[in-house]
Amino acid sequence: LGAAVRTERGNIAHSDPPAATPSDKRMLHIQTRALGVDMESFAVGEAAKARGTPFLALRAVADGAKLMLPVSALEAMNPDGTVDTRRALTALG
């Protein structure tokens, strides 16, 4: 991507429950030294690992370490990390 986009290479942490606040994200970084938190790729990575298949995640970070996750995203999330579409649409409305 060259100079047009800042890129970094490193580990991605998984967090359950979500790292929603700046202090949650900071603590996770201190514990893991990961560059970011990603809940979505974890299940795919675990499935790849179980099958002995190499796995790589390429992520773009929209909610940096100093930003809190939007309340609407947290309200729409089920305890297992999946999203309830009806609650998501209600939270956005």
Protein backbone atom coordinates (compact mmCIF):
# COMPACT_ATOMS: atom_id res chain seq x y z
CA LEU A 1 0.00 0.00 0.00
CA GLY A 2 3.03 2.20 0.14
CA ALA A 3 2.93 5.61 1.75
CA ALA A 4 -0.81 6.08 1.06
CA VAL A 5 -1.88 3.99 4.06
CA ARG A 6 -0.09 3.37 7.34
CA THR A 7 0.44 -0.35 7.81
CA GLU A 8 1.76 -2.41 10.69
CA ARG A 9 2.50 -6.09 11.03
CA GLY A 10 1.90 -7.92 14.30
CA ASN A 11 -0.41 -10.03 16.37
CA ILE A 12 -4.14 -9.53 16.80
CA ALA A 13 -5.76 -10.31 20.15
CA HIS A 14 -9.16 -11.86 20.74
CA SER A 15 -11.32 -10.52 23.55
CA ASP A 16 -14.41 -12.08 25.04
CA PRO A 17 -16.17 -9.98 26.24
CA PRO A 18 -15.42 -7.20 23.76
CA ALA A 19 -12.72 -4.67 24.58
CA ALA A 20 -15.22 -1.81 24.51
CA THR A 21 -13.45 1.02 26.32
CA PRO A 22 -10.05 2.64 25.83
CA SER A 23 -8.91 1.17 29.18
CA ASP A 24 -10.05 -2.34 28.08
CA LYS A 25 -8.02 -1.97 24.87
CA ARG A 26 -4.97 -0.64 26.73
CA MET A 27 -5.04 -3.51 29.24
CA LEU A 28 -5.32 -6.08 26.46
CA HIS A 29 -2.37 -4.49 24.66
CA ILE A 30 -0.28 -4.55 27.85
CA GLN A 31 -1.16 -8.23 28.42
CA THR A 32 -0.65 -9.44 24.84
CA ARG A 33 1.41 -6.79 22.99
CA ALA A 34 -1.12 -7.20 20.16
CA LEU A 35 -1.60 -4.32 17.73
CA GLY A 36 -5.37 -4.64 17.73
CA VAL A 37 -8.41 -6.56 18.90
CA ASP A 38 -10.50 -8.63 16.52
CA MET A 39 -13.44 -10.75 17.58
CA GLU A 40 -14.61 -11.77 14.12
CA SER A 41 -11.52 -13.63 12.89
CA PHE A 42 -11.06 -15.77 15.99
CA ALA A 43 -13.54 -18.51 15.06
CA VAL A 44 -12.13 -18.76 11.53
CA GLY A 45 -8.60 -18.97 12.92
CA GLU A 46 -9.60 -21.71 15.36
CA ALA A 47 -11.24 -23.71 12.55
CA ALA A 48 -8.12 -23.33 10.39
CA LYS A 49 -5.91 -24.41 13.29
CA ALA A 50 -8.04 -27.51 13.91
CA ARG A 51 -7.63 -28.48 10.26
CA GLY A 52 -3.92 -27.68 10.11
CA THR A 53 -4.60 -24.97 7.53
CA PRO A 54 -2.49 -21.79 7.55
CA PHE A 55 -4.46 -18.67 8.48
CA LEU A 56 -3.80 -14.96 8.02
CA ALA A 57 -6.07 -12.07 8.99
CA LEU A 58 -5.78 -8.72 7.25
CA ARG A 59 -7.74 -6.12 9.19
CA ALA A 60 -8.51 -2.42 8.93
CA VAL A 61 -9.05 -0.78 12.31
CA ALA A 62 -11.95 1.65 12.53
CA ASP A 63 -12.16 2.10 16.31
CA GLY A 64 -8.69 2.99 17.48
CA ALA A 65 -7.37 2.44 20.99
CA LYS A 66 -8.63 5.82 22.21
CA LEU A 67 -12.20 5.29 20.98
CA MET A 68 -15.01 3.48 22.72
CA LEU A 69 -17.07 0.95 20.78
CA PRO A 70 -20.40 2.48 19.75
CA VAL A 71 -23.17 1.76 22.25
CA SER A 72 -25.35 0.55 19.36
CA ALA A 73 -22.79 -2.18 18.58
CA LEU A 74 -22.69 -3.33 22.19
CA GLU A 75 -26.49 -3.31 22.49
CA ALA A 76 -26.85 -5.52 19.41
CA MET A 77 -24.30 -8.11 20.55
CA ASN A 78 -25.35 -11.45 22.01
CA PRO A 79 -23.37 -12.97 24.90
CA ASP A 80 -21.59 -15.31 22.46
CA GLY A 81 -20.37 -12.40 20.31
CA THR A 82 -22.85 -12.84 17.47
CA VAL A 83 -25.06 -9.94 16.42
CA ASP A 84 -28.83 -9.85 16.83
CA THR A 85 -29.93 -8.20 13.57
CA ARG A 86 -33.23 -6.95 15.00
CA ARG A 87 -31.48 -5.30 17.98
CA ALA A 88 -28.82 -3.88 15.64
CA LEU A 89 -31.43 -2.22 13.45
CA THR A 90 -33.35 -0.98 16.48
CA ALA A 91 -30.18 0.49 18.02
CA LEU A 92 -29.42 2.36 14.79
CA GLY A 93 -32.94 3.75 14.50
